[in-house]
Protein backbone atom coordinates (compact mmCIF):
# COMPACT_ATOMS: atom_id res chain seq x y z
CA MET A 1 15.82 -12.25 3.98
CA PHE A 2 12.22 -12.53 5.13
CA LYS A 3 11.00 -13.68 8.49
CA VAL A 4 7.89 -13.26 10.61
CA ASN A 5 7.37 -13.04 14.34
CA ILE A 6 4.11 -14.03 16.00
CA ARG A 7 3.18 -12.84 19.47
CA HIS A 8 -0.09 -13.35 21.26
CA THR A 9 -1.91 -12.18 24.33
CA GLU A 10 -5.28 -13.13 25.70
CA ASN A 11 -7.08 -10.81 23.25
CA GLU A 12 -4.87 -10.42 20.19
CA VAL A 13 -2.39 -12.07 17.87
CA VAL A 14 0.35 -9.86 16.43
CA VAL A 15 1.95 -10.94 13.16
CA ALA A 16 5.10 -8.91 12.46
CA PRO A 17 6.66 -9.57 9.04
CA GLN A 18 10.25 -8.42 8.46
CA GLY A 19 11.95 -7.86 5.13
CA GLU A 20 10.32 -8.32 1.73
CA LEU A 21 7.02 -10.20 1.54
CA ASP A 22 7.07 -11.45 -2.05
CA ALA A 23 6.24 -14.66 -3.93
CA ILE A 24 9.30 -16.46 -2.58
CA ALA A 25 8.50 -15.52 1.04
CA THR A 26 4.81 -16.42 0.76
CA THR A 27 5.67 -20.04 -0.01
CA GLU A 28 6.64 -20.29 3.67
CA MET A 29 3.51 -18.53 4.91
CA ASP A 30 1.24 -21.60 5.10
CA ASP A 31 2.86 -22.43 8.44
CA VAL A 32 2.23 -18.90 9.68
CA LEU A 33 -1.41 -19.05 8.60
CA THR A 34 -1.83 -22.38 10.42
CA ARG A 35 -0.25 -21.00 13.59
CA VAL A 36 -2.35 -17.84 13.53
CA THR A 37 -5.50 -19.91 12.96
CA ARG A 38 -4.70 -22.02 16.03
CA LEU A 39 -4.05 -18.91 18.12
CA ALA A 40 -7.29 -17.21 17.02
CA ARG A 41 -8.12 -14.21 19.18
CA ASN A 42 -10.58 -11.33 18.86
CA ARG A 43 -8.04 -9.06 17.22
CA LEU A 44 -5.38 -9.73 14.61
CA VAL A 45 -2.68 -7.08 14.30
CA LEU A 46 -0.36 -7.00 11.30
CA ASP A 47 2.57 -4.92 12.52
CA CYS A 48 4.43 -3.74 9.42
CA GLN A 49 7.13 -1.71 11.15
CA LYS A 50 9.91 -3.89 9.69
CA LEU A 51 8.17 -4.79 6.42
CA GLU A 52 10.21 -3.24 3.61
CA TYR A 53 8.15 -4.36 0.59
CA ILE A 54 4.97 -6.26 -0.19
CA SER A 55 4.10 -7.86 -3.54
CA SER A 56 0.73 -9.05 -4.82
CA SER A 57 1.51 -12.46 -3.28
CA GLY A 58 2.10 -10.75 0.05
CA LEU A 59 -1.17 -8.86 -0.27
CA ARG A 60 -2.92 -12.18 -0.88
CA PHE A 61 -1.39 -13.52 2.34
CA PHE A 62 -2.72 -10.47 4.25
CA LEU A 63 -6.16 -11.12 2.75
CA LEU A 64 -6.06 -14.75 3.88
CA LEU A 65 -5.21 -13.65 7.41
CA LYS A 66 -8.08 -11.14 7.37
CA LYS A 67 -10.52 -13.71 6.00
CA ASN A 68 -9.51 -16.11 8.75
CA SER A 69 -10.01 -13.41 11.38
CA ASP A 70 -13.39 -12.39 9.94
CA GLN A 71 -14.61 -16.00 9.94
CA LYS A 72 -13.87 -16.17 13.65
CA GLY A 73 -15.72 -12.93 14.34
CA GLY A 74 -12.56 -10.94 14.94
CA SER A 75 -11.00 -7.84 13.44
CA ALA A 76 -7.79 -7.29 11.47
CA ILE A 77 -5.69 -4.17 11.93
CA VAL A 78 -2.58 -3.07 10.03
CA ARG A 79 -0.18 -0.73 11.78
CA ASN A 80 3.23 0.88 11.38
CA MET A 81 3.44 0.78 7.58
CA ASN A 82 6.29 2.63 5.90
CA LYS A 83 5.45 4.93 3.00
CA ASN A 84 6.22 2.35 0.28
CA VAL A 85 3.99 -0.34 1.82
CA GLU A 86 1.24 2.18 2.53
CA ASP A 87 1.37 3.42 -1.08
CA ILE A 88 0.92 -0.15 -2.33
CA PHE A 89 -2.00 -0.66 0.08
CA ARG A 90 -3.71 2.49 -1.15
CA LEU A 91 -3.02 1.78 -4.82
CA CYS A 92 -4.67 -1.65 -4.46
CA GLY A 93 -7.57 -0.35 -2.37
CA PHE A 94 -6.57 -2.31 0.71
CA HIS A 95 -7.07 0.78 2.88
CA HIS A 96 -10.80 0.11 2.36
CA ILE A 97 -10.48 -3.53 3.45
CA PHE A 98 -8.27 -3.23 6.54
CA ASP A 99 -8.40 -0.95 9.55
CA ILE A 100 -5.14 1.00 9.51
CA GLU A 101 -3.55 2.47 12.62
């Protein structure tokens, strides 16, 4: 089962997906994108500590979040990736697009 938590402070929004971010899960992500857009801060953090898997649809969702952050003059950071998710990021070249902590 997939779910996502959103936390925010004065300076950052943290999006923390849990489970498998695939085509089925991304159909529910429009609401998340809308919420994150409303909460726009200087820094967007994608905390992947509990993300088990990401598909191409999930990568597209990450790109949409980054694009939204860039348009608002902010930055997007990905942190706490497990080896499988990090391997997918590197294979697709996303390590050149996102700041990774």
